[in-house]
Amino acid sequence: MTNSKEVRRAVNRVANMVLNGELEPKAANAILYACNVSLGAIRTDEQQAKIDELETLVKELECR
């Protein structure tokens, strides 16, 4: 799970497995918790990349 699309896909798959009786709710909760943690890390990485890009643009503008 390296991006939000993959996390969303995993969440949908887990939900379907629970609904179909293929996965116990307790196991699903653990997986969904991991998905939530992964999503938080992905968001943090994306925000940091945007901040880095903005800082670069500001420095370029200051040099002009």
C-alpha atoms as a PDB file:
ATOM      1  CA  MET A   1       0.000   0.000   0.000  1.00  0.00           C
ATOM      2  CA  THR A   2       2.078   2.868  -1.291  1.00  0.00           C
ATOM      3  CA  ASN A   3      -0.614   5.356  -2.252  1.00  0.00           C
ATOM      4  CA  SER A   4      -4.139   6.309  -1.253  1.00  0.00           C
ATOM      5  CA  LYS A   5      -5.678   4.405  -4.176  1.00  0.00           C
ATOM      6  CA  GLU A   6      -4.105   1.168  -3.003  1.00  0.00           C
ATOM      7  CA  VAL A   7      -5.261   1.789   0.567  1.00  0.00           C
ATOM      8  CA  ARG A   8      -8.801   2.445  -0.658  1.00  0.00           C
ATOM      9  CA  ARG A   9      -8.703  -0.774  -2.678  1.00  0.00           C
ATOM     10  CA  ALA A  10      -7.520  -2.710   0.376  1.00  0.00           C
ATOM     11  CA  VAL A  11     -10.284  -1.237   2.554  1.00  0.00           C
ATOM     12  CA  ASN A  12     -12.913  -2.194  -0.023  1.00  0.00           C
ATOM     13  CA  ARG A  13     -11.507  -5.711  -0.278  1.00  0.00           C
ATOM     14  CA  VAL A  14     -11.490  -6.161   3.504  1.00  0.00           C
ATOM     15  CA  ALA A  15     -15.073  -4.881   3.758  1.00  0.00           C
ATOM     16  CA  ASN A  16     -16.220  -7.294   1.064  1.00  0.00           C
ATOM     17  CA  MET A  17     -14.441 -10.193   2.746  1.00  0.00           C
ATOM     18  CA  VAL A  18     -16.178  -9.433   6.043  1.00  0.00           C
ATOM     19  CA  LEU A  19     -19.544  -9.137   4.322  1.00  0.00           C
ATOM     20  CA  ASN A  20     -18.980 -12.465   2.551  1.00  0.00           C
ATOM     21  CA  GLY A  21     -17.953 -14.203   5.767  1.00  0.00           C
ATOM     22  CA  GLU A  22     -14.397 -14.753   4.501  1.00  0.00           C
ATOM     23  CA  LEU A  23     -12.735 -12.680   7.229  1.00  0.00           C
ATOM     24  CA  GLU A  24     -13.448 -12.265  10.918  1.00  0.00           C
ATOM     25  CA  PRO A  25     -14.352  -8.725  12.016  1.00  0.00           C
ATOM     26  CA  LYS A  26     -11.514  -8.729  14.579  1.00  0.00           C
ATOM     27  CA  ALA A  27      -8.938  -9.453  11.872  1.00  0.00           C
ATOM     28  CA  ALA A  28     -10.579  -6.860   9.622  1.00  0.00           C
ATOM     29  CA  ASN A  29     -10.253  -4.242  12.365  1.00  0.00           C
ATOM     30  CA  ALA A  30      -6.535  -4.941  12.649  1.00  0.00           C
ATOM     31  CA  ILE A  31      -6.082  -4.647   8.880  1.00  0.00           C
ATOM     32  CA  LEU A  32      -8.145  -1.462   8.715  1.00  0.00           C
ATOM     33  CA  TYR A  33      -6.096   0.037  11.530  1.00  0.00           C
ATOM     34  CA  ALA A  34      -2.940  -0.684   9.523  1.00  0.00           C
ATOM     35  CA  CYS A  35      -4.578   0.890   6.470  1.00  0.00           C
ATOM     36  CA  ASN A  36      -5.339   4.011   8.486  1.00  0.00           C
ATOM     37  CA  VAL A  37      -1.747   4.248   9.727  1.00  0.00           C
ATOM     38  CA  SER A  38      -0.443   3.779   6.182  1.00  0.00           C
ATOM     39  CA  LEU A  39      -2.782   6.426   4.843  1.00  0.00           C
ATOM     40  CA  GLY A  40      -1.626   8.892   7.496  1.00  0.00           C
ATOM     41  CA  ALA A  41       2.003   8.275   6.537  1.00  0.00           C
ATOM     42  CA  ILE A  42       1.199   8.689   2.844  1.00  0.00           C
ATOM     43  CA  ARG A  43      -0.548  11.997   3.517  1.00  0.00           C
ATOM     44  CA  THR A  44       2.383  13.225   5.594  1.00  0.00           C
ATOM     45  CA  ASP A  45       4.826  12.324   2.828  1.00  0.00           C
ATOM     46  CA  GLU A  46       2.684  14.067   0.211  1.00  0.00           C
ATOM     47  CA  GLN A  47       2.383  17.199   2.350  1.00  0.00           C
ATOM     48  CA  GLN A  48       6.135  17.274   2.940  1.00  0.00           C
ATOM     49  CA  ALA A  49       6.779  16.974  -0.792  1.00  0.00           C
ATOM     50  CA  LYS A  50       4.467  19.936  -1.437  1.00  0.00           C
ATOM     51  CA  ILE A  51       6.148  21.989   1.294  1.00  0.00           C
ATOM     52  CA  ASP A  52       9.569  21.198  -0.158  1.00  0.00           C
ATOM     53  CA  GLU A  53       8.391  22.240  -3.619  1.00  0.00           C
ATOM     54  CA  LEU A  54       6.948  25.508  -2.298  1.00  0.00           C
ATOM     55  CA  GLU A  55      10.145  26.292  -0.390  1.00  0.00           C
ATOM     56  CA  THR A  56      12.140  25.759  -3.578  1.00  0.00           C
ATOM     57  CA  LEU A  57       9.847  28.089  -5.514  1.00  0.00           C
ATOM     58  CA  VAL A  58      10.079  30.772  -2.820  1.00  0.00           C
ATOM     59  CA  LYS A  59      13.886  30.588  -2.839  1.00  0.00           C
ATOM     60  CA  GLU A  60      13.907  30.878  -6.627  1.00  0.00           C
ATOM     61  CA  LEU A  61      11.681  33.943  -6.469  1.00  0.00           C
ATOM     62  CA  GLU A  62      13.853  35.535  -3.780  1.00  0.00           C
ATOM     63  CA  CYS A  63      16.946  35.132  -5.953  1.00  0.00           C
ATOM     64  CA  ARG A  64      15.433  37.105  -8.831  1.00  0.00           C
END
